[in-house]
């Protein structure tokens, strides 16, 4: 189900601008011609030629603002006097209307997620740019990774747990990303928090009954639940022009207030399971010993002696400590 509160009236218009290199050569030639005409007009004292040369020179200087460089995996969303003009999605050197303005809400509001701007500024410092640089007006269409961090939620059993995930995503429709939401970075972050919280509440952390069931749990079915999170998150951010490629659960644990109790429960379950296996094996060994003694007529035991032998063998086999052998030099009767 798509979001009904997102305005999707603006349709993407992919521009095919003029070649920037050809326009650059034309502008340079016209600029040089205007300068030459201006000098010639001054020398000949021709006021009309000087005026025309100055006007052409100013127009050429303005047209230089229409030269745009688009790097691979980048897009530029342009507006003209407040109206959507078009989107450049190809990489290269282009010429567009010099009065158009690039739009990127992340650059305008400096609203990139925590750590994004810090990494950019740190990179600028390493490159010798000690001054902080703003985010480019171009919209990146590269594959990005968003770390959602950790948050405390209640699972289906009501137990508080700590869960964290990362989202691999990219912008597939720059026009929607710019115009349909105020800040697509912040929008993704908010929707990611909400989706992870809502999905985690539908499943228990672990199977509390210790039985073999097909019930999905956060610990045992993390991959399937991550796929469910991906589908739900994609539905929420589709109208923002974003595509979710993968969601992975990176952290899953009980909250501190119940972690100790749950650890004791797990230890108790492990001990019980181990004891059950030991007892099952010991009973089989005792039965095998009694059957072999009876079949080979090694010794004939009455019921009372069999019970004593069974008791002694079970104590030896199921005990935590190594048994101390005692040699019986007398009769067993």
C-alpha atoms as a PDB file:
ATOM      1  CA  UNK A   1       0.000   0.000   0.000  1.00  0.00           C
ATOM      2  CA  UNK A   2       1.487   3.331  -1.069  1.00  0.00           C
ATOM      3  CA  UNK A   3       1.604   6.428   1.067  1.00  0.00           C
ATOM      4  CA  UNK A   4      -1.448   8.594   0.432  1.00  0.00           C
ATOM      5  CA  UNK A   5       0.006  11.723   1.991  1.00  0.00           C
ATOM      6  CA  UNK A   6       2.831  12.203  -0.555  1.00  0.00           C
ATOM      7  CA  UNK A   7       2.264  14.620  -3.426  1.00  0.00           C
ATOM      8  CA  UNK A   8       3.144  12.838  -6.683  1.00  0.00           C
ATOM      9  CA  UNK A   9       1.784  15.358  -9.197  1.00  0.00           C
ATOM     10  CA  UNK A  10       5.209  16.318 -10.608  1.00  0.00           C
ATOM     11  CA  UNK A  11       6.341  13.886 -13.280  1.00  0.00           C
ATOM     12  CA  UNK A  12       9.999  13.495 -14.064  1.00  0.00           C
ATOM     13  CA  UNK A  13      11.178  15.199 -17.260  1.00  0.00           C
ATOM     14  CA  UNK A  14      14.569  13.962 -18.448  1.00  0.00           C
ATOM     15  CA  UNK A  15      16.500  16.737 -20.218  1.00  0.00           C
ATOM     16  CA  UNK A  16      18.780  16.273 -23.209  1.00  0.00           C
ATOM     17  CA  UNK A  17      20.924  19.419 -22.930  1.00  0.00           C
ATOM     18  CA  UNK A  18      23.397  20.754 -25.457  1.00  0.00           C
ATOM     19  CA  UNK A  19      26.984  19.605 -25.547  1.00  0.00           C
ATOM     20  CA  UNK A  20      28.930  21.710 -23.078  1.00  0.00           C
ATOM     21  CA  UNK A  21      32.266  21.581 -24.859  1.00  0.00           C
ATOM     22  CA  UNK A  22      30.808  22.850 -28.149  1.00  0.00           C
ATOM     23  CA  UNK A  23      28.950  25.640 -26.357  1.00  0.00           C
ATOM     24  CA  UNK A  24      32.098  26.548 -24.416  1.00  0.00           C
ATOM     25  CA  UNK A  25      34.037  27.008 -27.656  1.00  0.00           C
ATOM     26  CA  UNK A  26      31.235  29.093 -29.150  1.00  0.00           C
ATOM     27  CA  UNK A  27      31.015  31.287 -26.060  1.00  0.00           C
ATOM     28  CA  UNK A  28      34.778  31.817 -25.965  1.00  0.00           C
ATOM     29  CA  UNK A  29      34.853  32.787 -29.658  1.00  0.00           C
ATOM     30  CA  UNK A  30      31.937  35.194 -29.245  1.00  0.00           C
ATOM     31  CA  UNK A  31      33.548  36.620 -26.110  1.00  0.00           C
ATOM     32  CA  UNK A  32      36.840  37.236 -27.918  1.00  0.00           C
ATOM     33  CA  UNK A  33      34.955  38.740 -30.859  1.00  0.00           C
ATOM     34  CA  UNK A  34      33.066  41.110 -28.545  1.00  0.00           C
ATOM     35  CA  UNK A  35      36.319  42.191 -26.899  1.00  0.00           C
ATOM     36  CA  UNK A  36      37.921  42.764 -30.299  1.00  0.00           C
ATOM     37  CA  UNK A  37      34.875  44.724 -31.472  1.00  0.00           C
ATOM     38  CA  UNK A  38      34.969  46.768 -28.256  1.00  0.00           C
ATOM     39  CA  UNK A  39      38.649  47.633 -28.796  1.00  0.00           C
ATOM     40  CA  UNK A  40      38.015  48.464 -32.435  1.00  0.00           C
ATOM     41  CA  UNK A  41      35.053  50.664 -31.487  1.00  0.00           C
ATOM     42  CA  UNK A  42      37.146  52.524 -28.942  1.00  0.00           C
ATOM     43  CA  UNK A  43      39.893  53.079 -31.467  1.00  0.00           C
ATOM     44  CA  UNK A  44      37.428  54.304 -34.123  1.00  0.00           C
ATOM     45  CA  UNK A  45      35.293  56.137 -31.552  1.00  0.00           C
ATOM     46  CA  UNK A  46      32.173  54.259 -32.630  1.00  0.00           C
ATOM     47  CA  UNK A  47      29.730  54.513 -29.690  1.00  0.00           C
ATOM     48  CA  UNK A  48      27.159  52.129 -31.165  1.00  0.00           C
ATOM     49  CA  UNK A  49      29.738  49.368 -31.690  1.00  0.00           C
ATOM     50  CA  UNK A  50      31.103  49.843 -28.201  1.00  0.00           C
ATOM     51  CA  UNK A  51      27.597  49.636 -26.694  1.00  0.00           C
ATOM     52  CA  UNK A  52      26.711  46.478 -28.629  1.00  0.00           C
ATOM     53  CA  UNK A  53      30.063  44.887 -27.736  1.00  0.00           C
ATOM     54  CA  UNK A  54      29.538  45.589 -24.019  1.00  0.00           C
ATOM     55  CA  UNK A  55      26.014  44.125 -24.138  1.00  0.00           C
ATOM     56  CA  UNK A  56      27.221  40.993 -25.946  1.00  0.00           C
ATOM     57  CA  UNK A  57      30.099  40.657 -23.487  1.00  0.00           C
ATOM     58  CA  UNK A  58      27.704  40.786 -20.512  1.00  0.00           C
ATOM     59  CA  UNK A  59      25.336  38.275 -22.131  1.00  0.00           C
ATOM     60  CA  UNK A  60      28.197  35.844 -22.767  1.00  0.00           C
ATOM     61  CA  UNK A  61      29.324  36.145 -19.142  1.00  0.00           C
ATOM     62  CA  UNK A  62      25.799  35.253 -18.019  1.00  0.00           C
ATOM     63  CA  UNK A  63      25.640  32.297 -20.426  1.00  0.00           C
ATOM     64  CA  UNK A  64      28.777  30.812 -18.879  1.00  0.00           C
ATOM     65  CA  UNK A  65      26.611  30.015 -15.830  1.00  0.00           C
ATOM     66  CA  UNK A  66      24.705  27.498 -17.959  1.00  0.00           C
ATOM     67  CA  UNK A  67      27.693  25.149 -18.235  1.00  0.00           C
ATOM     68  CA  UNK A  68      27.166  22.137 -15.963  1.00  0.00           C
ATOM     69  CA  UNK A  69      29.391  19.157 -15.177  1.00  0.00           C
ATOM     70  CA  UNK A  70      27.545  15.970 -14.128  1.00  0.00           C
ATOM     71  CA  UNK A  71      29.653  13.155 -12.704  1.00  0.00           C
ATOM     72  CA  UNK A  72      28.776   9.453 -13.097  1.00  0.00           C
ATOM     73  CA  UNK A  73      25.972   8.272 -10.789  1.00  0.00           C
ATOM     74  CA  UNK A  74      24.751  11.825 -10.235  1.00  0.00           C
ATOM     75  CA  UNK A  75      21.666  13.725 -11.337  1.00  0.00           C
ATOM     76  CA  UNK A  76      20.799  17.407 -11.377  1.00  0.00           C
ATOM     77  CA  UNK A  77      17.217  18.555 -10.756  1.00  0.00           C
ATOM     78  CA  UNK A  78      16.651  22.036 -12.210  1.00  0.00           C
ATOM     79  CA  UNK A  79      14.005  24.679 -11.552  1.00  0.00           C
ATOM     80  CA  UNK A  80      13.359  27.873 -13.492  1.00  0.00           C
ATOM     81  CA  UNK A  81      11.899  30.743 -11.473  1.00  0.00           C
ATOM     82  CA  UNK A  82      10.249  28.361  -9.019  1.00  0.00           C
ATOM     83  CA  UNK A  83       8.910  25.893 -11.605  1.00  0.00           C
ATOM     84  CA  UNK A  84      10.241  22.447 -12.346  1.00  0.00           C
ATOM     85  CA  UNK A  85      12.410  22.646 -15.481  1.00  0.00           C
ATOM     86  CA  UNK A  86      13.806  19.134 -15.875  1.00  0.00           C
ATOM     87  CA  UNK A  87      16.352  16.584 -14.659  1.00  0.00           C
ATOM     88  CA  UNK A  88      19.755  15.768 -16.130  1.00  0.00           C
ATOM     89  CA  UNK A  89      20.520  12.082 -15.492  1.00  0.00           C
ATOM     90  CA  UNK A  90      23.389  11.601 -17.964  1.00  0.00           C
ATOM     91  CA  UNK A  91      26.977  12.271 -16.976  1.00  0.00           C
ATOM     92  CA  UNK A  92      29.135  14.663 -18.948  1.00  0.00           C
ATOM     93  CA  UNK A  93      29.622  18.354 -19.739  1.00  0.00           C
ATOM     94  CA  UNK A  94      26.386  20.139 -20.714  1.00  0.00           C
ATOM     95  CA  UNK A  95      24.877  23.543 -21.364  1.00  0.00           C
ATOM     96  CA  UNK A  96      21.440  24.462 -19.990  1.00  0.00           C
ATOM     97  CA  UNK A  97      19.455  27.603 -19.407  1.00  0.00           C
ATOM     98  CA  UNK A  98      21.740  29.772 -17.237  1.00  0.00           C
ATOM     99  CA  UNK A  99      18.790  30.981 -15.173  1.00  0.00           C
ATOM    100  CA  UNK A 100      17.945  27.473 -13.952  1.00  0.00           C
ATOM    101  CA  UNK A 101      18.825  26.489 -10.396  1.00  0.00           C
ATOM    102  CA  UNK A 102      19.822  23.082  -9.079  1.00  0.00           C
ATOM    103  CA  UNK A 103      17.736  21.732  -6.212  1.00  0.00           C
ATOM    104  CA  UNK A 104      18.870  19.367  -3.494  1.00  0.00           C
ATOM    105  CA  UNK A 105      17.092  19.581  -0.108  1.00  0.00           C
ATOM    106  CA  UNK A 106      19.999  17.874   1.648  1.00  0.00           C
ATOM    107  CA  UNK A 107      22.360  20.618   0.482  1.00  0.00           C
ATOM    108  CA  UNK A 108      19.885  23.412   1.194  1.00  0.00           C
ATOM    109  CA  UNK A 109      19.071  22.281   4.731  1.00  0.00           C
ATOM    110  CA  UNK A 110      22.346  20.522   5.511  1.00  0.00           C
ATOM    111  CA  UNK A 111      20.074  17.675   6.593  1.00  0.00           C
ATOM    112  CA  UNK A 112      22.244  14.683   5.794  1.00  0.00           C
ATOM    113  CA  UNK A 113      22.164  11.896   8.392  1.00  0.00           C
ATOM    114  CA  UNK A 114      24.537  11.973  11.330  1.00  0.00           C
ATOM    115  CA  UNK A 115      28.090  11.257  10.231  1.00  0.00           C
ATOM    116  CA  UNK A 116      27.524  12.070   6.548  1.00  0.00           C
ATOM    117  CA  UNK A 117      28.611  15.716   6.680  1.00  0.00           C
ATOM    118  CA  UNK A 118      31.385  14.911   9.139  1.00  0.00           C
ATOM    119  CA  UNK A 119      32.865  12.389   6.715  1.00  0.00           C
ATOM    120  CA  UNK A 120      32.621  14.943   3.878  1.00  0.00           C
ATOM    121  CA  UNK A 121      34.348  17.672   5.888  1.00  0.00           C
ATOM    122  CA  UNK A 122      37.023  15.256   7.076  1.00  0.00           C
ATOM    123  CA  UNK A 123      37.679  14.322   3.440  1.00  0.00           C
ATOM    124  CA  UNK A 124      37.965  18.009   2.557  1.00  0.00           C
ATOM    125  CA  UNK A 125      40.531  18.513   5.297  1.00  0.00           C
ATOM    126  CA  UNK A 126      42.630  15.634   3.987  1.00  0.00           C
ATOM    127  CA  UNK A 127      42.534  17.185   0.531  1.00  0.00           C
ATOM    128  CA  UNK A 128      43.796  20.484   1.856  1.00  0.00           C
ATOM    129  CA  UNK A 129      40.408  22.165   2.061  1.00  0.00           C
ATOM    130  CA  UNK A 130      40.359  23.181   5.682  1.00  0.00           C
ATOM    131  CA  UNK A 131      37.143  25.092   5.202  1.00  0.00           C
ATOM    132  CA  UNK A 132      33.882  23.198   5.557  1.00  0.00           C
ATOM    133  CA  UNK A 133      32.205  22.596   2.229  1.00  0.00           C
ATOM    134  CA  UNK A 134      28.430  22.372   1.668  1.00  0.00           C
ATOM    135  CA  UNK A 135      26.852  19.329   0.101  1.00  0.00           C
ATOM    136  CA  UNK A 136      26.615  19.494  -3.709  1.00  0.00           C
ATOM    137  CA  UNK A 137      23.355  20.540  -5.366  1.00  0.00           C
ATOM    138  CA  UNK A 138      23.586  17.358  -7.434  1.00  0.00           C
ATOM    139  CA  UNK A 139      21.614  14.349  -6.236  1.00  0.00           C
ATOM    140  CA  UNK A 140      23.722  11.218  -5.824  1.00  0.00           C
ATOM    141  CA  UNK A 141      22.277   8.062  -7.389  1.00  0.00           C
ATOM    142  CA  UNK A 142      25.019   5.838  -5.986  1.00  0.00           C
ATOM    143  CA  UNK A 143      24.274   2.836  -3.789  1.00  0.00           C
ATOM    144  CA  UNK A 144      24.454   4.071  -0.190  1.00  0.00           C
ATOM    145  CA  UNK A 145      24.386   2.387   3.199  1.00  0.00           C
ATOM    146  CA  UNK A 146      22.340   3.823   6.029  1.00  0.00           C
ATOM    147  CA  UNK A 147      23.143   2.602   9.550  1.00  0.00           C
ATOM    148  CA  UNK A 148      19.974   2.784  11.610  1.00  0.00           C
ATOM    149  CA  UNK A 149      21.840   2.240  14.872  1.00  0.00           C
ATOM    150  CA  UNK A 150      20.077   0.418  17.721  1.00  0.00           C
ATOM    151  CA  UNK A 151      16.707   0.970  19.324  1.00  0.00           C
ATOM    152  CA  UNK A 152      14.777  -0.630  22.169  1.00  0.00           C
ATOM    153  CA  UNK A 153      11.491  -2.306  21.221  1.00  0.00           C
ATOM    154  CA  UNK A 154       9.181  -4.925  22.679  1.00  0.00           C
ATOM    155  CA  UNK A 155       8.891  -8.249  20.879  1.00  0.00           C
ATOM    156  CA  UNK A 156       5.660 -10.241  20.467  1.00  0.00           C
ATOM    157  CA  UNK A 157       6.030 -11.614  24.036  1.00  0.00           C
ATOM    158  CA  UNK A 158       6.445  -8.146  25.500  1.00  0.00           C
ATOM    159  CA  UNK A 159      10.140  -8.619  26.264  1.00  0.00           C
ATOM    160  CA  UNK A 160      12.307  -5.514  25.735  1.00  0.00           C
ATOM    161  CA  UNK A 161      14.993  -6.151  23.142  1.00  0.00           C
ATOM    162  CA  UNK A 162      17.697  -4.102  21.417  1.00  0.00           C
ATOM    163  CA  UNK A 163      17.655  -4.310  17.624  1.00  0.00           C
ATOM    164  CA  UNK A 164      19.668  -2.531  14.946  1.00  0.00           C
ATOM    165  CA  UNK A 165      19.797  -2.748  11.164  1.00  0.00           C
ATOM    166  CA  UNK A 166      21.471  -1.263   8.117  1.00  0.00           C
ATOM    167  CA  UNK A 167      19.701  -0.333   4.892  1.00  0.00           C
ATOM    168  CA  UNK A 168      21.325  -0.490   1.451  1.00  0.00           C
ATOM    169  CA  UNK A 169      19.503   1.983  -0.806  1.00  0.00           C
ATOM    170  CA  UNK A 170      19.797   4.422  -3.681  1.00  0.00           C
ATOM    171  CA  UNK A 171      17.869   7.228  -5.363  1.00  0.00           C
ATOM    172  CA  UNK A 172      16.145   5.997  -8.537  1.00  0.00           C
ATOM    173  CA  UNK A 173      13.930   9.023  -9.190  1.00  0.00           C
ATOM    174  CA  UNK A 174      15.765  12.267  -8.317  1.00  0.00           C
ATOM    175  CA  UNK A 175      12.707  14.381  -9.124  1.00  0.00           C
ATOM    176  CA  UNK A 176      10.537  12.617  -6.553  1.00  0.00           C
ATOM    177  CA  UNK A 177      13.374  12.659  -4.013  1.00  0.00           C
ATOM    178  CA  UNK A 178      13.686  16.446  -4.348  1.00  0.00           C
ATOM    179  CA  UNK A 179      10.041  17.532  -4.601  1.00  0.00           C
ATOM    180  CA  UNK A 180       7.910  14.864  -2.899  1.00  0.00           C
ATOM    181  CA  UNK A 181       9.631  14.974   0.496  1.00  0.00           C
ATOM    182  CA  UNK A 182      11.329  17.748   2.434  1.00  0.00           C
ATOM    183  CA  UNK A 183      14.556  15.796   3.058  1.00  0.00           C
ATOM    184  CA  UNK A 184      14.880  12.305   1.618  1.00  0.00           C
ATOM    185  CA  UNK A 185      17.744  11.383   3.975  1.00  0.00           C
ATOM    186  CA  UNK A 186      15.691  12.249   7.042  1.00  0.00           C
ATOM    187  CA  UNK A 187      12.598  10.686   5.479  1.00  0.00           C
ATOM    188  CA  UNK A 188      14.421   7.373   4.996  1.00  0.00           C
ATOM    189  CA  UNK A 189      15.746   7.487   8.561  1.00  0.00           C
ATOM    190  CA  UNK A 190      12.291   8.079  10.059  1.00  0.00           C
ATOM    191  CA  UNK A 191      10.596   5.416   7.938  1.00  0.00           C
ATOM    192  CA  UNK A 192      13.370   2.939   8.744  1.00  0.00           C
ATOM    193  CA  UNK A 193      12.912   3.453  12.499  1.00  0.00           C
ATOM    194  CA  UNK A 194       9.164   3.022  12.223  1.00  0.00           C
ATOM    195  CA  UNK A 195       9.341  -0.068   9.999  1.00  0.00           C
ATOM    196  CA  UNK A 196      11.885  -1.904  12.132  1.00  0.00           C
ATOM    197  CA  UNK A 197       9.927  -1.137  15.293  1.00  0.00           C
ATOM    198  CA  UNK A 198       6.603  -2.291  13.829  1.00  0.00           C
ATOM    199  CA  UNK A 199       7.982  -5.503  12.316  1.00  0.00           C
ATOM    200  CA  UNK A 200       9.987  -6.457  15.419  1.00  0.00           C
ATOM    201  CA  UNK A 201       6.828  -6.265  17.553  1.00  0.00           C
ATOM    202  CA  UNK A 202       5.223  -9.038  15.477  1.00  0.00           C
ATOM    203  CA  UNK A 203       7.764 -11.763  16.332  1.00  0.00           C
ATOM    204  CA  UNK A 204       9.177 -13.181  19.577  1.00  0.00           C
ATOM    205  CA  UNK A 205      12.878 -12.981  20.228  1.00  0.00           C
ATOM    206  CA  UNK A 206      13.140 -16.753  20.638  1.00  0.00           C
ATOM    207  CA  UNK A 207      10.964 -19.835  21.046  1.00  0.00           C
ATOM    208  CA  UNK A 208      10.128 -19.809  24.743  1.00  0.00           C
ATOM    209  CA  UNK A 209       8.496 -23.283  24.775  1.00  0.00           C
ATOM    210  CA  UNK A 210      11.623 -25.129  23.580  1.00  0.00           C
ATOM    211  CA  UNK A 211       9.586 -27.084  21.047  1.00  0.00           C
ATOM    212  CA  UNK A 212      10.157 -27.639  17.364  1.00  0.00           C
ATOM    213  CA  UNK A 213       7.638 -25.332  15.687  1.00  0.00           C
ATOM    214  CA  UNK A 214       7.511 -23.384  12.454  1.00  0.00           C
ATOM    215  CA  UNK A 215       7.014 -20.085  14.286  1.00  0.00           C
ATOM    216  CA  UNK A 216       9.355 -17.380  13.070  1.00  0.00           C
ATOM    217  CA  UNK A 217      11.567 -15.736  15.674  1.00  0.00           C
ATOM    218  CA  UNK A 218      13.881 -12.750  15.509  1.00  0.00           C
ATOM    219  CA  UNK A 219      16.872 -14.897  16.434  1.00  0.00           C
ATOM    220  CA  UNK A 220      16.111 -17.942  14.304  1.00  0.00           C
ATOM    221  CA  UNK A 221      14.529 -16.303  11.255  1.00  0.00           C
ATOM    222  CA  UNK A 222      16.442 -13.042  11.002  1.00  0.00           C
ATOM    223  CA  UNK A 223      16.936 -13.337   7.225  1.00  0.00           C
ATOM    224  CA  UNK A 224      13.222 -13.867   6.510  1.00  0.00           C
ATOM    225  CA  UNK A 225      12.230 -11.049   8.853  1.00  0.00           C
ATOM    226  CA  UNK A 226      14.809  -8.745   7.233  1.00  0.00           C
ATOM    227  CA  UNK A 227      13.168  -9.461   3.860  1.00  0.00           C
ATOM    228  CA  UNK A 228       9.814  -8.511   5.357  1.00  0.00           C
ATOM    229  CA  UNK A 229      11.323  -5.271   6.643  1.00  0.00           C
ATOM    230  CA  UNK A 230      12.728  -4.574   3.173  1.00  0.00           C
ATOM    231  CA  UNK A 231       9.306  -5.021   1.539  1.00  0.00           C
ATOM    232  CA  UNK A 232       7.507  -2.790   4.042  1.00  0.00           C
ATOM    233  CA  UNK A 233      10.195  -0.109   3.910  1.00  0.00           C
ATOM    234  CA  UNK A 234      10.158  -0.108   0.098  1.00  0.00           C
ATOM    235  CA  UNK A 235       6.409   0.544   0.126  1.00  0.00           C
ATOM    236  CA  UNK A 236       6.910   3.544   2.405  1.00  0.00           C
ATOM    237  CA  UNK A 237       9.767   5.207   0.496  1.00  0.00           C
ATOM    238  CA  UNK A 238       8.688   4.409  -3.069  1.00  0.00           C
ATOM    239  CA  UNK A 239       6.898   7.740  -3.515  1.00  0.00           C
ATOM    240  CA  UNK A 240      10.078   9.492  -2.382  1.00  0.00           C
ATOM    241  CA  UNK A 241      11.966   8.097  -5.379  1.00  0.00           C
ATOM    242  CA  UNK A 242      14.081   5.694  -3.296  1.00  0.00           C
ATOM    243  CA  UNK A 243      14.805   2.008  -3.818  1.00  0.00           C
ATOM    244  CA  UNK A 244      15.671  -0.272  -0.905  1.00  0.00           C
ATOM    245  CA  UNK A 245      18.122  -2.939  -2.079  1.00  0.00           C
ATOM    246  CA  UNK A 246      18.689  -4.767   1.198  1.00  0.00           C
ATOM    247  CA  UNK A 247      17.927  -4.670   4.911  1.00  0.00           C
ATOM    248  CA  UNK A 248      20.182  -6.545   7.305  1.00  0.00           C
ATOM    249  CA  UNK A 249      19.795  -6.961  11.051  1.00  0.00           C
ATOM    250  CA  UNK A 250      23.187  -6.136  12.558  1.00  0.00           C
ATOM    251  CA  UNK A 251      22.396  -6.203  16.282  1.00  0.00           C
ATOM    252  CA  UNK A 252      19.921  -8.276  18.271  1.00  0.00           C
ATOM    253  CA  UNK A 253      19.955  -8.816  22.025  1.00  0.00           C
ATOM    254  CA  UNK A 254      17.796  -8.660  25.108  1.00  0.00           C
ATOM    255  CA  UNK A 255      17.638  -5.352  26.949  1.00  0.00           C
ATOM    256  CA  UNK A 256      19.913  -4.985  29.953  1.00  0.00           C
ATOM    257  CA  UNK A 257      17.099  -5.268  32.485  1.00  0.00           C
ATOM    258  CA  UNK A 258      16.208  -8.824  31.433  1.00  0.00           C
ATOM    259  CA  UNK A 259      19.440 -10.014  29.852  1.00  0.00           C
ATOM    260  CA  UNK A 260      20.681 -11.753  33.030  1.00  0.00           C
ATOM    261  CA  UNK A 261      17.388 -13.583  33.600  1.00  0.00           C
ATOM    262  CA  UNK A 262      17.202 -14.721  29.986  1.00  0.00           C
ATOM    263  CA  UNK A 263      20.801 -15.945  30.151  1.00  0.00           C
ATOM    264  CA  UNK A 264      19.955 -18.065  33.204  1.00  0.00           C
ATOM    265  CA  UNK A 265      16.962 -19.482  31.338  1.00  0.00           C
ATOM    266  CA  UNK A 266      19.107 -20.414  28.364  1.00  0.00           C
ATOM    267  CA  UNK A 267      21.677 -22.023  30.640  1.00  0.00           C
ATOM    268  CA  UNK A 268      18.957 -23.989  32.423  1.00  0.00           C
ATOM    269  CA  UNK A 269      17.506 -25.168  29.121  1.00  0.00           C
ATOM    270  CA  UNK A 270      20.945 -26.301  27.980  1.00  0.00           C
ATOM    271  CA  UNK A 271      21.574 -28.177  31.229  1.00  0.00           C
ATOM    272  CA  UNK A 272      18.178 -29.912  31.083  1.00  0.00           C
ATOM    273  CA  UNK A 273      18.703 -30.930  27.472  1.00  0.00           C
ATOM    274  CA  UNK A 274      22.163 -32.300  28.283  1.00  0.00           C
ATOM    275  CA  UNK A 275      20.844 -34.238  31.295  1.00  0.00           C
ATOM    276  CA  UNK A 276      18.051 -35.758  29.239  1.00  0.00           C
ATOM    277  CA  UNK A 277      20.543 -36.957  26.660  1.00  0.00           C
ATOM    278  CA  UNK A 278      22.836 -38.382  29.352  1.00  0.00           C
ATOM    279  CA  UNK A 279      19.969 -40.240  31.065  1.00  0.00           C
ATOM    280  CA  UNK A 280      18.726 -41.652  27.761  1.00  0.00           C
ATOM    281  CA  UNK A 281      22.194 -42.931  26.933  1.00  0.00           C
ATOM    282  CA  UNK A 282      22.744 -44.339  30.422  1.00  0.00           C
ATOM    283  CA  UNK A 283      19.462 -46.283  30.384  1.00  0.00           C
ATOM    284  CA  UNK A 284      20.411 -47.805  27.034  1.00  0.00           C
ATOM    285  CA  UNK A 285      23.852 -48.813  28.327  1.00  0.00           C
ATOM    286  CA  UNK A 286      22.398 -50.414  31.500  1.00  0.00           C
ATOM    287  CA  UNK A 287      19.799 -52.357  29.507  1.00  0.00           C
ATOM    288  CA  UNK A 288      22.481 -53.571  27.102  1.00  0.00           C
ATOM    289  CA  UNK A 289      24.701 -54.684  30.009  1.00  0.00           C
ATOM    290  CA  UNK A 290      21.895 -56.611  31.718  1.00  0.00           C
ATOM    291  CA  UNK A 291      20.818 -58.289  28.469  1.00  0.00           C
ATOM    292  CA  UNK A 292      24.377 -59.315  27.626  1.00  0.00           C
ATOM    293  CA  UNK A 293      24.965 -60.763  31.121  1.00  0.00           C
ATOM    294  CA  UNK A 294      21.772 -62.770  30.893  1.00  0.00           C
ATOM    295  CA  UNK A 295      22.333 -64.081  27.359  1.00  0.00           C
ATOM    296  CA  UNK A 296      25.880 -65.285  27.981  1.00  0.00           C
ATOM    297  CA  UNK A 297      25.073 -66.737  31.448  1.00  0.00           C
ATOM    298  CA  UNK A 298      27.983 -64.856  32.959  1.00  0.00           C
ATOM    299  CA  UNK A 299      26.133 -64.290  36.209  1.00  0.00           C
ATOM    300  CA  UNK A 300      22.545 -64.896  37.312  1.00  0.00           C
ATOM    301  CA  UNK A 301      21.026 -61.975  39.208  1.00  0.00           C
ATOM    302  CA  UNK A 302      17.737 -61.857  40.996  1.00  0.00           C
ATOM    303  CA  UNK A 303      15.467 -58.835  40.773  1.00  0.00           C
ATOM    304  CA  UNK A 304      16.912 -57.199  43.880  1.00  0.00           C
ATOM    305  CA  UNK A 305      20.490 -57.480  42.594  1.00  0.00           C
ATOM    306  CA  UNK A 306      19.447 -56.206  39.184  1.00  0.00           C
ATOM    307  CA  UNK A 307      17.872 -53.146  40.837  1.00  0.00           C
ATOM    308  CA  UNK A 308      21.067 -52.532  42.809  1.00  0.00           C
ATOM    309  CA  UNK A 309      23.184 -52.916  39.688  1.00  0.00           C
ATOM    310  CA  UNK A 310      20.926 -50.544  37.737  1.00  0.00           C
ATOM    311  CA  UNK A 311      21.122 -47.989  40.536  1.00  0.00           C
ATOM    312  CA  UNK A 312      24.911 -48.186  40.725  1.00  0.00           C
ATOM    313  CA  UNK A 313      25.372 -47.953  36.954  1.00  0.00           C
ATOM    314  CA  UNK A 314      23.047 -44.954  36.658  1.00  0.00           C
ATOM    315  CA  UNK A 315      24.892 -43.191  39.472  1.00  0.00           C
ATOM    316  CA  UNK A 316      28.217 -43.807  37.744  1.00  0.00           C
ATOM    317  CA  UNK A 317      27.024 -42.859  34.266  1.00  0.00           C
ATOM    318  CA  UNK A 318      24.930 -39.832  35.233  1.00  0.00           C
ATOM    319  CA  UNK A 319      27.152 -38.408  37.952  1.00  0.00           C
ATOM    320  CA  UNK A 320      29.013 -35.129  37.473  1.00  0.00           C
ATOM    321  CA  UNK A 321      32.179 -36.464  39.090  1.00  0.00           C
ATOM    322  CA  UNK A 322      34.301 -39.461  38.262  1.00  0.00           C
ATOM    323  CA  UNK A 323      33.303 -42.547  40.335  1.00  0.00           C
ATOM    324  CA  UNK A 324      35.803 -44.134  42.727  1.00  0.00           C
ATOM    325  CA  UNK A 325      36.092 -47.929  42.096  1.00  0.00           C
ATOM    326  CA  UNK A 326      35.626 -50.281  45.072  1.00  0.00           C
ATOM    327  CA  UNK A 327      36.726 -53.896  44.805  1.00  0.00           C
ATOM    328  CA  UNK A 328      34.293 -56.342  46.448  1.00  0.00           C
ATOM    329  CA  UNK A 329      36.293 -59.270  47.755  1.00  0.00           C
ATOM    330  CA  UNK A 330      33.315 -61.037  49.343  1.00  0.00           C
ATOM    331  CA  UNK A 331      30.184 -62.623  48.009  1.00  0.00           C
ATOM    332  CA  UNK A 332      27.456 -60.539  46.455  1.00  0.00           C
ATOM    333  CA  UNK A 333      24.825 -62.532  48.472  1.00  0.00           C
END
